[in-house]
Amino acid sequence: MQSVIQISAAVRGKYFGLVPAIYFLLLGIFDIGMDAWYNSLSWFFVLCNLAFFIPIIFRNRRVYLICGICFSALWTYLFFASLILIPKGNGLSALQIVGVELFLLFSLACSVSMLYAGSKKFR
């Protein structure tokens, strides 16, 4: 029984740092898919979304640090911009506002955890 607990702790510690990278990978795939679905796909948007693929492809400390800093700045800016712009009254329901804010907060939390994983990873 002890070996099962040790194995699960090792697996949890090894793969828990991949959660933010997988989240941003899925976010990039979803955005490219939505752009293709609505016929607004362009090379510029594809290249911008490829930045979300970098942490899962190159998994080392420096990449996690750089992507964590960049993604944290991006999601912090978007979160505070949404706090300023949403109350101006643009026809969103309360449920939509809560959904947008939760999405932005979760994305910010994933980017900060990527930054933290980059500071602790591969020492």
PDB file of N, CA and C in Angstrom:
ATOM      1  N   MET A   1       0.825  -1.192   0.000  1.00  0.00           N
ATOM      2  CA  MET A   1       0.000   0.000   0.000  1.00  0.00           C
ATOM      3  C   MET A   1       0.869   1.257   0.000  1.00  0.00           C
ATOM      4  N   GLN A   2       1.962   1.209   0.695  1.00  0.00           N
ATOM      5  CA  GLN A   2       2.854   2.361   0.770  1.00  0.00           C
ATOM      6  C   GLN A   2       3.429   2.705  -0.604  1.00  0.00           C
ATOM      7  N   SER A   3       3.732   1.695  -1.417  1.00  0.00           N
ATOM      8  CA  SER A   3       4.309   1.949  -2.732  1.00  0.00           C
ATOM      9  C   SER A   3       3.307   2.632  -3.656  1.00  0.00           C
ATOM     10  N   VAL A   4       2.017   2.299  -3.512  1.00  0.00           N
ATOM     11  CA  VAL A   4       0.990   2.952  -4.321  1.00  0.00           C
ATOM     12  C   VAL A   4       0.911   4.432  -3.979  1.00  0.00           C
ATOM     13  N   ILE A   5       1.013   4.761  -2.713  1.00  0.00           N
ATOM     14  CA  ILE A   5       0.975   6.152  -2.285  1.00  0.00           C
ATOM     15  C   ILE A   5       2.207   6.901  -2.785  1.00  0.00           C
ATOM     16  N   GLN A   6       3.354   6.266  -2.731  1.00  0.00           N
ATOM     17  CA  GLN A   6       4.577   6.907  -3.221  1.00  0.00           C
ATOM     18  C   GLN A   6       4.516   7.131  -4.729  1.00  0.00           C
ATOM     19  N   ILE A   7       3.992   6.161  -5.467  1.00  0.00           N
ATOM     20  CA  ILE A   7       3.883   6.302  -6.920  1.00  0.00           C
ATOM     21  C   ILE A   7       2.893   7.408  -7.270  1.00  0.00           C
ATOM     22  N   SER A   8       1.757   7.456  -6.582  1.00  0.00           N
ATOM     23  CA  SER A   8       0.767   8.490  -6.888  1.00  0.00           C
ATOM     24  C   SER A   8       1.298   9.874  -6.541  1.00  0.00           C
ATOM     25  N   ALA A   9       2.094   9.987  -5.482  1.00  0.00           N
ATOM     26  CA  ALA A   9       2.685  11.288  -5.136  1.00  0.00           C
ATOM     27  C   ALA A   9       3.710  11.700  -6.179  1.00  0.00           C
ATOM     28  N   ALA A  10       4.479  10.748  -6.690  1.00  0.00           N
ATOM     29  CA  ALA A  10       5.462  11.067  -7.723  1.00  0.00           C
ATOM     30  C   ALA A  10       4.786  11.476  -9.022  1.00  0.00           C
ATOM     31  N   VAL A  11       3.728  10.790  -9.389  1.00  0.00           N
ATOM     32  CA  VAL A  11       3.000  11.124 -10.622  1.00  0.00           C
ATOM     33  C   VAL A  11       2.323  12.483 -10.469  1.00  0.00           C
ATOM     34  N   ARG A  12       1.729  12.726  -9.319  1.00  0.00           N
ATOM     35  CA  ARG A  12       1.053  13.998  -9.080  1.00  0.00           C
ATOM     36  C   ARG A  12       2.048  15.148  -9.128  1.00  0.00           C
ATOM     37  N   GLY A  13       3.199  14.973  -8.544  1.00  0.00           N
ATOM     38  CA  GLY A  13       4.204  16.024  -8.566  1.00  0.00           C
ATOM     39  C   GLY A  13       4.798  16.247  -9.933  1.00  0.00           C
ATOM     40  N   LYS A  14       4.916  15.165 -10.708  1.00  0.00           N
ATOM     41  CA  LYS A  14       5.525  15.274 -12.030  1.00  0.00           C
ATOM     42  C   LYS A  14       4.586  15.922 -13.036  1.00  0.00           C
ATOM     43  N   TYR A  15       3.327  15.575 -13.006  1.00  0.00           N
ATOM     44  CA  TYR A  15       2.389  16.040 -14.022  1.00  0.00           C
ATOM     45  C   TYR A  15       1.548  17.231 -13.601  1.00  0.00           C
ATOM     46  N   PHE A  16       1.595  17.623 -12.349  1.00  0.00           N
ATOM     47  CA  PHE A  16       0.793  18.757 -11.896  1.00  0.00           C
ATOM     48  C   PHE A  16       1.273  20.061 -12.534  1.00  0.00           C
ATOM     49  N   GLY A  17       2.558  20.154 -12.826  1.00  0.00           N
ATOM     50  CA  GLY A  17       3.086  21.354 -13.475  1.00  0.00           C
ATOM     51  C   GLY A  17       2.678  21.484 -14.923  1.00  0.00           C
ATOM     52  N   LEU A  18       2.143  20.410 -15.510  1.00  0.00           N
ATOM     53  CA  LEU A  18       1.689  20.463 -16.898  1.00  0.00           C
ATOM     54  C   LEU A  18       0.278  21.015 -17.054  1.00  0.00           C
ATOM     55  N   VAL A  19      -0.461  21.178 -15.969  1.00  0.00           N
ATOM     56  CA  VAL A  19      -1.843  21.650 -16.061  1.00  0.00           C
ATOM     57  C   VAL A  19      -1.934  23.017 -16.730  1.00  0.00           C
ATOM     58  N   PRO A  20      -1.140  24.025 -16.346  1.00  0.00           N
ATOM     59  CA  PRO A  20      -1.244  25.310 -17.051  1.00  0.00           C
ATOM     60  C   PRO A  20      -0.854  25.217 -18.520  1.00  0.00           C
ATOM     61  N   ALA A  21       0.163  24.423 -18.828  1.00  0.00           N
ATOM     62  CA  ALA A  21       0.584  24.288 -20.224  1.00  0.00           C
ATOM     63  C   ALA A  21      -0.499  23.619 -21.055  1.00  0.00           C
ATOM     64  N   ILE A  22      -1.149  22.613 -20.505  1.00  0.00           N
ATOM     65  CA  ILE A  22      -2.237  21.939 -21.218  1.00  0.00           C
ATOM     66  C   ILE A  22      -3.429  22.878 -21.358  1.00  0.00           C
ATOM     67  N   TYR A  23      -3.708  23.675 -20.339  1.00  0.00           N
ATOM     68  CA  TYR A  23      -4.809  24.644 -20.420  1.00  0.00           C
ATOM     69  C   TYR A  23      -4.569  25.638 -21.552  1.00  0.00           C
ATOM     70  N   PHE A  24      -3.362  26.187 -21.644  1.00  0.00           N
ATOM     71  CA  PHE A  24      -3.092  27.161 -22.701  1.00  0.00           C
ATOM     72  C   PHE A  24      -3.050  26.497 -24.068  1.00  0.00           C
ATOM     73  N   LEU A  25      -2.616  25.233 -24.144  1.00  0.00           N
ATOM     74  CA  LEU A  25      -2.672  24.499 -25.406  1.00  0.00           C
ATOM     75  C   LEU A  25      -4.121  24.351 -25.864  1.00  0.00           C
ATOM     76  N   LEU A  26      -5.000  23.941 -24.965  1.00  0.00           N
ATOM     77  CA  LEU A  26      -6.411  23.783 -25.310  1.00  0.00           C
ATOM     78  C   LEU A  26      -7.058  25.124 -25.649  1.00  0.00           C
ATOM     79  N   LEU A  27      -6.643  26.180 -24.973  1.00  0.00           N
ATOM     80  CA  LEU A  27      -7.163  27.509 -25.271  1.00  0.00           C
ATOM     81  C   LEU A  27      -6.765  27.944 -26.683  1.00  0.00           C
ATOM     82  N   GLY A  28      -5.526  27.690 -27.056  1.00  0.00           N
ATOM     83  CA  GLY A  28      -5.071  28.033 -28.408  1.00  0.00           C
ATOM     84  C   GLY A  28      -5.776  27.211 -29.467  1.00  0.00           C
ATOM     85  N   ILE A  29      -5.951  25.911 -29.224  1.00  0.00           N
ATOM     86  CA  ILE A  29      -6.663  25.053 -30.171  1.00  0.00           C
ATOM     87  C   ILE A  29      -8.116  25.503 -30.314  1.00  0.00           C
ATOM     88  N   PHE A  30      -8.748  25.832 -29.192  1.00  0.00           N
ATOM     89  CA  PHE A  30     -10.131  26.287 -29.221  1.00  0.00           C
ATOM     90  C   PHE A  30     -10.262  27.592 -30.008  1.00  0.00           C
ATOM     91  N   ASP A  31      -9.343  28.524 -29.802  1.00  0.00           N
ATOM     92  CA  ASP A  31      -9.422  29.802 -30.506  1.00  0.00           C
ATOM     93  C   ASP A  31      -9.191  29.630 -32.006  1.00  0.00           C
ATOM     94  N   ILE A  32      -8.245  28.791 -32.385  1.00  0.00           N
ATOM     95  CA  ILE A  32      -8.032  28.526 -33.811  1.00  0.00           C
ATOM     96  C   ILE A  32      -9.268  27.844 -34.403  1.00  0.00           C
ATOM     97  N   GLY A  33      -9.852  26.915 -33.665  1.00  0.00           N
ATOM     98  CA  GLY A  33     -11.069  26.252 -34.134  1.00  0.00           C
ATOM     99  C   GLY A  33     -12.237  27.205 -34.294  1.00  0.00           C
ATOM    100  N   MET A  34     -12.396  28.129 -33.356  1.00  0.00           N
ATOM    101  CA  MET A  34     -13.482  29.099 -33.464  1.00  0.00           C
ATOM    102  C   MET A  34     -13.247  30.072 -34.623  1.00  0.00           C
ATOM    103  N   ASP A  35     -11.993  30.460 -34.831  1.00  0.00           N
ATOM    104  CA  ASP A  35     -11.696  31.317 -35.979  1.00  0.00           C
ATOM    105  C   ASP A  35     -11.992  30.596 -37.287  1.00  0.00           C
ATOM    106  N   ALA A  36     -11.668  29.321 -37.364  1.00  0.00           N
ATOM    107  CA  ALA A  36     -11.952  28.551 -38.571  1.00  0.00           C
ATOM    108  C   ALA A  36     -13.464  28.358 -38.744  1.00  0.00           C
ATOM    109  N   TRP A  37     -14.179  28.145 -37.642  1.00  0.00           N
ATOM    110  CA  TRP A  37     -15.621  27.924 -37.705  1.00  0.00           C
ATOM    111  C   TRP A  37     -16.356  29.160 -38.230  1.00  0.00           C
ATOM    112  N   TYR A  38     -15.921  30.343 -37.801  1.00  0.00           N
ATOM    113  CA  TYR A  38     -16.572  31.582 -38.210  1.00  0.00           C
ATOM    114  C   TYR A  38     -15.892  32.252 -39.399  1.00  0.00           C
ATOM    115  N   ASN A  39     -15.043  31.527 -40.100  1.00  0.00           N
ATOM    116  CA  ASN A  39     -14.379  32.007 -41.322  1.00  0.00           C
ATOM    117  C   ASN A  39     -13.584  33.289 -41.111  1.00  0.00           C
ATOM    118  N   SER A  40     -12.969  33.439 -39.968  1.00  0.00           N
ATOM    119  CA  SER A  40     -12.133  34.606 -39.700  1.00  0.00           C
ATOM    120  C   SER A  40     -10.687  34.193 -39.416  1.00  0.00           C
ATOM    121  N   LEU A  41     -10.308  33.008 -39.894  1.00  0.00           N
ATOM    122  CA  LEU A  41      -8.969  32.492 -39.648  1.00  0.00           C
ATOM    123  C   LEU A  41      -7.971  33.207 -40.555  1.00  0.00           C
ATOM    124  N   SER A  42      -6.916  33.718 -39.951  1.00  0.00           N
ATOM    125  CA  SER A  42      -5.849  34.356 -40.731  1.00  0.00           C
ATOM    126  C   SER A  42      -4.512  33.908 -40.147  1.00  0.00           C
ATOM    127  N   TRP A  43      -3.461  34.103 -40.910  1.00  0.00           N
ATOM    128  CA  TRP A  43      -2.129  33.700 -40.449  1.00  0.00           C
ATOM    129  C   TRP A  43      -1.718  34.475 -39.211  1.00  0.00           C
ATOM    130  N   PHE A  44      -2.123  35.720 -39.107  1.00  0.00           N
ATOM    131  CA  PHE A  44      -1.765  36.524 -37.942  1.00  0.00           C
ATOM    132  C   PHE A  44      -2.329  35.910 -36.668  1.00  0.00           C
ATOM    133  N   PHE A  45      -3.609  35.530 -36.686  1.00  0.00           N
ATOM    134  CA  PHE A  45      -4.227  34.943 -35.496  1.00  0.00           C
ATOM    135  C   PHE A  45      -3.670  33.552 -35.197  1.00  0.00           C
ATOM    136  N   VAL A  46      -3.340  32.805 -36.242  1.00  0.00           N
ATOM    137  CA  VAL A  46      -2.736  31.482 -36.017  1.00  0.00           C
ATOM    138  C   VAL A  46      -1.375  31.644 -35.354  1.00  0.00           C
ATOM    139  N   LEU A  47      -0.583  32.578 -35.830  1.00  0.00           N
ATOM    140  CA  LEU A  47       0.745  32.798 -35.229  1.00  0.00           C
ATOM    141  C   LEU A  47       0.633  33.315 -33.798  1.00  0.00           C
ATOM    142  N   CYS A  48      -0.357  34.161 -33.533  1.00  0.00           N
ATOM    143  CA  CYS A  48      -0.561  34.630 -32.155  1.00  0.00           C
ATOM    144  C   CYS A  48      -0.968  33.478 -31.240  1.00  0.00           C
ATOM    145  N   ASN A  49      -1.794  32.571 -31.738  1.00  0.00           N
ATOM    146  CA  ASN A  49      -2.227  31.435 -30.927  1.00  0.00           C
ATOM    147  C   ASN A  49      -1.150  30.378 -30.783  1.00  0.00           C
ATOM    148  N   LEU A  50      -0.190  30.346 -31.682  1.00  0.00           N
ATOM    149  CA  LEU A  50       0.906  29.393 -31.540  1.00  0.00           C
ATOM    150  C   LEU A  50       1.772  29.705 -30.320  1.00  0.00           C
ATOM    151  N   ALA A  51       1.706  30.933 -29.828  1.00  0.00           N
ATOM    152  CA  ALA A  51       2.429  31.266 -28.597  1.00  0.00           C
ATOM    153  C   ALA A  51       1.908  30.449 -27.414  1.00  0.00           C
ATOM    154  N   PHE A  52       0.627  30.068 -27.456  1.00  0.00           N
ATOM    155  CA  PHE A  52       0.066  29.247 -26.388  1.00  0.00           C
ATOM    156  C   PHE A  52       0.573  27.806 -26.447  1.00  0.00           C
ATOM    157  N   PHE A  53       1.138  27.374 -27.585  1.00  0.00           N
ATOM    158  CA  PHE A  53       1.645  26.014 -27.726  1.00  0.00           C
ATOM    159  C   PHE A  53       3.069  25.867 -27.209  1.00  0.00           C
ATOM    160  N   ILE A  54       3.770  26.954 -27.025  1.00  0.00           N
ATOM    161  CA  ILE A  54       5.195  26.919 -26.677  1.00  0.00           C
ATOM    162  C   ILE A  54       5.472  26.188 -25.359  1.00  0.00           C
ATOM    163  N   PRO A  55       4.713  26.433 -24.268  1.00  0.00           N
ATOM    164  CA  PRO A  55       5.058  25.759 -22.998  1.00  0.00           C
ATOM    165  C   PRO A  55       4.925  24.243 -23.034  1.00  0.00           C
ATOM    166  N   ILE A  56       4.017  23.705 -23.826  1.00  0.00           N
ATOM    167  CA  ILE A  56       3.857  22.254 -23.852  1.00  0.00           C
ATOM    168  C   ILE A  56       4.903  21.611 -24.766  1.00  0.00           C
ATOM    169  N   ILE A  57       5.395  22.354 -25.756  1.00  0.00           N
ATOM    170  CA  ILE A  57       6.397  21.808 -26.672  1.00  0.00           C
ATOM    171  C   ILE A  57       7.780  21.862 -26.045  1.00  0.00           C
ATOM    172  N   PHE A  58       8.151  23.027 -25.526  1.00  0.00           N
ATOM    173  CA  PHE A  58       9.467  23.222 -24.901  1.00  0.00           C
ATOM    174  C   PHE A  58       9.260  23.316 -23.402  1.00  0.00           C
ATOM    175  N   ARG A  59       9.450  22.210 -22.706  1.00  0.00           N
ATOM    176  CA  ARG A  59       9.174  22.180 -21.270  1.00  0.00           C
ATOM    177  C   ARG A  59      10.474  22.307 -20.492  1.00  0.00           C
ATOM    178  N   ASN A  60      10.941  23.534 -20.353  1.00  0.00           N
ATOM    179  CA  ASN A  60      12.072  23.760 -19.470  1.00  0.00           C
ATOM    180  C   ASN A  60      11.829  25.022 -18.650  1.00  0.00           C
ATOM    181  N   ARG A  61      12.712  25.287 -17.756  1.00  0.00           N
ATOM    182  CA  ARG A  61      12.530  26.346 -16.768  1.00  0.00           C
ATOM    183  C   ARG A  61      12.411  27.720 -17.406  1.00  0.00           C
ATOM    184  N   ARG A  62      13.289  28.009 -18.350  1.00  0.00           N
ATOM    185  CA  ARG A  62      13.285  29.351 -18.958  1.00  0.00           C
ATOM    186  C   ARG A  62      12.014  29.614 -19.759  1.00  0.00           C
ATOM    187  N   VAL A  63      11.544  28.616 -20.460  1.00  0.00           N
ATOM    188  CA  VAL A  63      10.314  28.776 -21.244  1.00  0.00           C
ATOM    189  C   VAL A  63       9.130  29.012 -20.311  1.00  0.00           C
ATOM    190  N   TYR A  64       9.055  28.251 -19.224  1.00  0.00           N
ATOM    191  CA  TYR A  64       7.968  28.455 -18.268  1.00  0.00           C
ATOM    192  C   TYR A  64       8.041  29.834 -17.632  1.00  0.00           C
ATOM    193  N   LEU A  65       9.245  30.301 -17.321  1.00  0.00           N
ATOM    194  CA  LEU A  65       9.382  31.636 -16.742  1.00  0.00           C
ATOM    195  C   LEU A  65       8.962  32.720 -17.722  1.00  0.00           C
ATOM    196  N   ILE A  66       9.462  32.652 -18.950  1.00  0.00           N
ATOM    197  CA  ILE A  66       9.149  33.685 -19.939  1.00  0.00           C
ATOM    198  C   ILE A  66       7.665  33.666 -20.293  1.00  0.00           C
ATOM    199  N   CYS A  67       7.121  32.480 -20.552  1.00  0.00           N
ATOM    200  CA  CYS A  67       5.697  32.388 -20.869  1.00  0.00           C
ATOM    201  C   CYS A  67       4.841  32.776 -19.667  1.00  0.00           C
ATOM    202  N   GLY A  68       5.269  32.416 -18.472  1.00  0.00           N
ATOM    203  CA  GLY A  68       4.521  32.809 -17.276  1.00  0.00           C
ATOM    204  C   GLY A  68       4.477  34.310 -17.095  1.00  0.00           C
ATOM    205  N   ILE A  69       5.596  34.976 -17.353  1.00  0.00           N
ATOM    206  CA  ILE A  69       5.626  36.438 -17.243  1.00  0.00           C
ATOM    207  C   ILE A  69       4.746  37.074 -18.314  1.00  0.00           C
ATOM    208  N   CYS A  70       4.895  36.622 -19.554  1.00  0.00           N
ATOM    209  CA  CYS A  70       4.113  37.202 -20.655  1.00  0.00           C
ATOM    210  C   CYS A  70       2.621  36.935 -20.488  1.00  0.00           C
ATOM    211  N   PHE A  71       2.257  35.695 -20.163  1.00  0.00           N
ATOM    212  CA  PHE A  71       0.844  35.356 -20.001  1.00  0.00           C
ATOM    213  C   PHE A  71       0.254  36.051 -18.768  1.00  0.00           C
ATOM    214  N   SER A  72       1.039  36.194 -17.703  1.00  0.00           N
ATOM    215  CA  SER A  72       0.540  36.912 -16.520  1.00  0.00           C
ATOM    216  C   SER A  72       0.265  38.373 -16.846  1.00  0.00           C
ATOM    217  N   ALA A  73       1.157  38.994 -17.593  1.00  0.00           N
ATOM    218  CA  ALA A  73       0.934  40.385 -17.992  1.00  0.00           C
ATOM    219  C   ALA A  73      -0.303  40.502 -18.876  1.00  0.00           C
ATOM    220  N   LEU A  74      -0.461  39.582 -19.824  1.00  0.00           N
ATOM    221  CA  LEU A  74      -1.611  39.601 -20.730  1.00  0.00           C
ATOM    222  C   LEU A  74      -2.923  39.446 -19.975  1.00  0.00           C
ATOM    223  N   TRP A  75      -3.021  38.419 -19.125  1.00  0.00           N
ATOM    224  CA  TRP A  75      -4.279  38.154 -18.441  1.00  0.00           C
ATOM    225  C   TRP A  75      -4.567  39.174 -17.355  1.00  0.00           C
ATOM    226  N   THR A  76      -3.528  39.755 -16.728  1.00  0.00           N
ATOM    227  CA  THR A  76      -3.763  40.837 -15.765  1.00  0.00           C
ATOM    228  C   THR A  76      -4.323  42.056 -16.467  1.00  0.00           C
ATOM    229  N   TYR A  77      -3.744  42.392 -17.615  1.00  0.00           N
ATOM    230  CA  TYR A  77      -4.247  43.524 -18.397  1.00  0.00           C
ATOM    231  C   TYR A  77      -5.693  43.287 -18.822  1.00  0.00           C
ATOM    232  N   LEU A  78      -5.991  42.095 -19.340  1.00  0.00           N
ATOM    233  CA  LEU A  78      -7.353  41.811 -19.787  1.00  0.00           C
ATOM    234  C   LEU A  78      -8.342  41.800 -18.621  1.00  0.00           C
ATOM    235  N   PHE A  79      -7.916  41.309 -17.464  1.00  0.00           N
ATOM    236  CA  PHE A  79      -8.809  41.280 -16.308  1.00  0.00           C
ATOM    237  C   PHE A  79      -9.152  42.695 -15.842  1.00  0.00           C
ATOM    238  N   PHE A  80      -8.143  43.540 -15.698  1.00  0.00           N
ATOM    239  CA  PHE A  80      -8.421  44.899 -15.238  1.00  0.00           C
ATOM    240  C   PHE A  80      -9.133  45.726 -16.302  1.00  0.00           C
ATOM    241  N   ALA A  81      -8.851  45.470 -17.568  1.00  0.00           N
ATOM    242  CA  ALA A  81      -9.587  46.156 -18.633  1.00  0.00           C
ATOM    243  C   ALA A  81     -11.056  45.744 -18.624  1.00  0.00           C
ATOM    244  N   SER A  82     -11.317  44.470 -18.349  1.00  0.00           N
ATOM    245  CA  SER A  82     -12.712  44.034 -18.297  1.00  0.00           C
ATOM    246  C   SER A  82     -13.431  44.641 -17.088  1.00  0.00           C
ATOM    247  N   LEU A  83     -12.727  44.818 -15.981  1.00  0.00           N
ATOM    248  CA  LEU A  83     -13.352  45.450 -14.820  1.00  0.00           C
ATOM    249  C   LEU A  83     -13.714  46.905 -15.107  1.00  0.00           C
ATOM    250  N   ILE A  84     -12.945  47.542 -15.960  1.00  0.00           N
ATOM    251  CA  ILE A  84     -13.230  48.941 -16.311  1.00  0.00           C
ATOM    252  C   ILE A  84     -14.307  49.025 -17.383  1.00  0.00           C
ATOM    253  N   LEU A  85     -14.255  48.153 -18.373  1.00  0.00           N
ATOM    254  CA  LEU A  85     -15.142  48.276 -19.528  1.00  0.00           C
ATOM    255  C   LEU A  85     -16.508  47.625 -19.348  1.00  0.00           C
ATOM    256  N   ILE A  86     -16.609  46.546 -18.612  1.00  0.00           N
ATOM    257  CA  ILE A  86     -17.897  45.847 -18.498  1.00  0.00           C
ATOM    258  C   ILE A  86     -18.957  46.692 -17.791  1.00  0.00           C
ATOM    259  N   PRO A  87     -18.659  47.407 -16.715  1.00  0.00           N
ATOM    260  CA  PRO A  87     -19.716  48.199 -16.089  1.00  0.00           C
ATOM    261  C   PRO A  87     -20.220  49.369 -16.941  1.00  0.00           C
ATOM    262  N   LYS A  88     -19.572  49.686 -18.038  1.00  0.00           N
ATOM    263  CA  LYS A  88     -20.009  50.791 -18.892  1.00  0.00           C
ATOM    264  C   LYS A  88     -21.337  50.488 -19.573  1.00  0.00           C
ATOM    265  N   GLY A  89     -21.763  49.241 -19.545  1.00  0.00           N
ATOM    266  CA  GLY A  89     -23.065  48.889 -20.098  1.00  0.00           C
ATOM    267  C   GLY A  89     -22.997  48.575 -21.580  1.00  0.00           C
ATOM    268  N   ASN A  90     -22.627  47.367 -21.891  1.00  0.00           N
ATOM    269  CA  ASN A  90     -22.572  46.968 -23.287  1.00  0.00           C
ATOM    270  C   ASN A  90     -23.546  45.832 -23.582  1.00  0.00           C
ATOM    271  N   GLY A  91     -24.584  45.715 -22.805  1.00  0.00           N
ATOM    272  CA  GLY A  91     -25.638  44.747 -23.087  1.00  0.00           C
ATOM    273  C   GLY A  91     -25.360  43.330 -22.646  1.00  0.00           C
ATOM    274  N   LEU A  92     -24.433  43.114 -21.756  1.00  0.00           N
ATOM    275  CA  LEU A  92     -24.150  41.764 -21.262  1.00  0.00           C
ATOM    276  C   LEU A  92     -25.015  41.471 -20.046  1.00  0.00           C
ATOM    277  N   SER A  93     -25.478  40.229 -19.972  1.00  0.00           N
ATOM    278  CA  SER A  93     -26.244  39.828 -18.797  1.00  0.00           C
ATOM    279  C   SER A  93     -25.286  39.563 -17.630  1.00  0.00           C
ATOM    280  N   ALA A  94     -25.846  39.418 -16.446  1.00  0.00           N
ATOM    281  CA  ALA A  94     -25.026  39.172 -15.264  1.00  0.00           C
ATOM    282  C   ALA A  94     -24.300  37.834 -15.369  1.00  0.00           C
ATOM    283  N   LEU A  95     -24.942  36.835 -15.956  1.00  0.00           N
ATOM    284  CA  LEU A  95     -24.314  35.521 -16.121  1.00  0.00           C
ATOM    285  C   LEU A  95     -23.130  35.603 -17.086  1.00  0.00           C
ATOM    286  N   GLN A  96     -23.250  36.380 -18.147  1.00  0.00           N
ATOM    287  CA  GLN A  96     -22.143  36.550 -19.079  1.00  0.00           C
ATOM    288  C   GLN A  96     -20.975  37.284 -18.422  1.00  0.00           C
ATOM    289  N   ILE A  97     -21.270  38.268 -17.625  1.00  0.00           N
ATOM    290  CA  ILE A  97     -20.211  39.016 -16.933  1.00  0.00           C
ATOM    291  C   ILE A  97     -19.469  38.103 -15.964  1.00  0.00           C
ATOM    292  N   VAL A  98     -20.210  37.295 -15.210  1.00  0.00           N
ATOM    293  CA  VAL A  98     -19.581  36.359 -14.278  1.00  0.00           C
ATOM    294  C   VAL A  98     -18.738  35.342 -15.045  1.00  0.00           C
ATOM    295  N   GLY A  99     -19.229  34.854 -16.164  1.00  0.00           N
ATOM    296  CA  GLY A  99     -18.478  33.892 -16.969  1.00  0.00           C
ATOM    297  C   GLY A  99     -17.186  34.476 -17.510  1.00  0.00           C
ATOM    298  N   VAL A 100     -17.240  35.707 -17.985  1.00  0.00           N
ATOM    299  CA  VAL A 100     -16.038  36.366 -18.506  1.00  0.00           C
ATOM    300  C   VAL A 100     -15.018  36.575 -17.396  1.00  0.00           C
ATOM    301  N   GLU A 101     -15.486  37.046 -16.250  1.00  0.00           N
ATOM    302  CA  GLU A 101     -14.563  37.309 -15.142  1.00  0.00           C
ATOM    303  C   GLU A 101     -13.951  36.011 -14.603  1.00  0.00           C
ATOM    304  N   LEU A 102     -14.738  34.947 -14.526  1.00  0.00           N
ATOM    305  CA  LEU A 102     -14.187  33.669 -14.059  1.00  0.00           C
ATOM    306  C   LEU A 102     -13.170  33.112 -15.048  1.00  0.00           C
ATOM    307  N   PHE A 103     -13.444  33.232 -16.344  1.00  0.00           N
ATOM    308  CA  PHE A 103     -12.490  32.794 -17.360  1.00  0.00           C
ATOM    309  C   PHE A 103     -11.183  33.570 -17.234  1.00  0.00           C
ATOM    310  N   LEU A 104     -11.273  34.874 -17.066  1.00  0.00           N
ATOM    311  CA  LEU A 104     -10.065  35.689 -16.956  1.00  0.00           C
ATOM    312  C   LEU A 104      -9.294  35.385 -15.672  1.00  0.00           C
ATOM    313  N   LEU A 105     -10.009  35.178 -14.575  1.00  0.00           N
ATOM    314  CA  LEU A 105      -9.332  34.840 -13.322  1.00  0.00           C
ATOM    315  C   LEU A 105      -8.662  33.476 -13.385  1.00  0.00           C
ATOM    316  N   PHE A 106      -9.328  32.492 -14.000  1.00  0.00           N
ATOM    317  CA  PHE A 106      -8.719  31.175 -14.124  1.00  0.00           C
ATOM    318  C   PHE A 106      -7.497  31.224 -15.032  1.00  0.00           C
ATOM    319  N   SER A 107      -7.580  31.981 -16.112  1.00  0.00           N
ATOM    320  CA  SER A 107      -6.429  32.125 -17.005  1.00  0.00           C
ATOM    321  C   SER A 107      -5.275  32.821 -16.295  1.00  0.00           C
ATOM    322  N   LEU A 108      -5.593  33.826 -15.490  1.00  0.00           N
ATOM    323  CA  LEU A 108      -4.557  34.508 -14.720  1.00  0.00           C
ATOM    324  C   LEU A 108      -3.937  33.563 -13.694  1.00  0.00           C
ATOM    325  N   ALA A 109      -4.768  32.749 -13.043  1.00  0.00           N
ATOM    326  CA  ALA A 109      -4.242  31.785 -12.069  1.00  0.00           C
ATOM    327  C   ALA A 109      -3.344  30.755 -12.752  1.00  0.00           C
ATOM    328  N   CYS A 110      -3.706  30.301 -13.931  1.00  0.00           N
ATOM    329  CA  CYS A 110      -2.866  29.336 -14.657  1.00  0.00           C
ATOM    330  C   CYS A 110      -1.549  29.971 -15.085  1.00  0.00           C
ATOM    331  N   SER A 111      -1.577  31.233 -15.491  1.00  0.00           N
ATOM    332  CA  SER A 111      -0.325  31.879 -15.903  1.00  0.00           C
ATOM    333  C   SER A 111       0.589  32.131 -14.707  1.00  0.00           C
ATOM    334  N   VAL A 112       0.012  32.471 -13.561  1.00  0.00           N
ATOM    335  CA  VAL A 112       0.831  32.654 -12.358  1.00  0.00           C
ATOM    336  C   VAL A 112       1.387  31.314 -11.886  1.00  0.00           C
ATOM    337  N   SER A 113       0.595  30.256 -11.990  1.00  0.00           N
ATOM    338  CA  SER A 113       1.114  28.941 -11.599  1.00  0.00           C
ATOM    339  C   SER A 113       2.197  28.465 -12.570  1.00  0.00           C
ATOM    340  N   MET A 114       2.098  28.861 -13.839  1.00  0.00           N
ATOM    341  CA  MET A 114       3.173  28.541 -14.783  1.00  0.00           C
ATOM    342  C   MET A 114       4.441  29.299 -14.415  1.00  0.00           C
ATOM    343  N   LEU A 115       4.289  30.534 -14.004  1.00  0.00           N
ATOM    344  CA  LEU A 115       5.428  31.318 -13.542  1.00  0.00           C
ATOM    345  C   LEU A 115       6.048  30.687 -12.306  1.00  0.00           C
ATOM    346  N   TYR A 116       5.230  30.238 -11.374  1.00  0.00           N
ATOM    347  CA  TYR A 116       5.724  29.580 -10.169  1.00  0.00           C
ATOM    348  C   TYR A 116       6.413  28.257 -10.515  1.00  0.00           C
ATOM    349  N   ALA A 117       5.809  27.492 -11.422  1.00  0.00           N
ATOM    350  CA  ALA A 117       6.420  26.217 -11.824  1.00  0.00           C
ATOM    351  C   ALA A 117       7.746  26.473 -12.523  1.00  0.00           C
ATOM    352  N   GLY A 118       7.838  27.539 -13.273  1.00  0.00           N
ATOM    353  CA  GLY A 118       9.098  27.880 -13.932  1.00  0.00           C
ATOM    354  C   GLY A 118      10.174  28.283 -12.958  1.00  0.00           C
ATOM    355  N   SER A 119       9.768  28.890 -11.858  1.00  0.00           N
ATOM    356  CA  SER A 119      10.781  29.287 -10.870  1.00  0.00           C
ATOM    357  C   SER A 119      11.256  28.100 -10.037  1.00  0.00           C
ATOM    358  N   LYS A 120      10.447  27.040  -9.933  1.00  0.00           N
ATOM    359  CA  LYS A 120      10.818  25.874  -9.130  1.00  0.00           C
ATOM    360  C   LYS A 120      11.254  24.680  -9.963  1.00  0.00           C
ATOM    361  N   LYS A 121      11.020  24.701 -11.249  1.00  0.00           N
ATOM    362  CA  LYS A 121      11.230  23.524 -12.083  1.00  0.00           C
ATOM    363  C   LYS A 121      12.680  23.374 -12.496  1.00  0.00           C
ATOM    364  N   PHE A 122      13.127  22.161 -12.591  1.00  0.00           N
ATOM    365  CA  PHE A 122      14.439  21.788 -13.118  1.00  0.00           C
ATOM    366  C   PHE A 122      15.594  22.434 -12.374  1.00  0.00           C
ATOM    367  N   ARG A 123      15.564  22.402 -11.060  1.00  0.00           N
ATOM    368  CA  ARG A 123      16.682  22.939 -10.294  1.00  0.00           C
ATOM    369  C   ARG A 123      17.622  21.847  -9.936  1.00  0.00           C
TER     370      ARG A 123
END
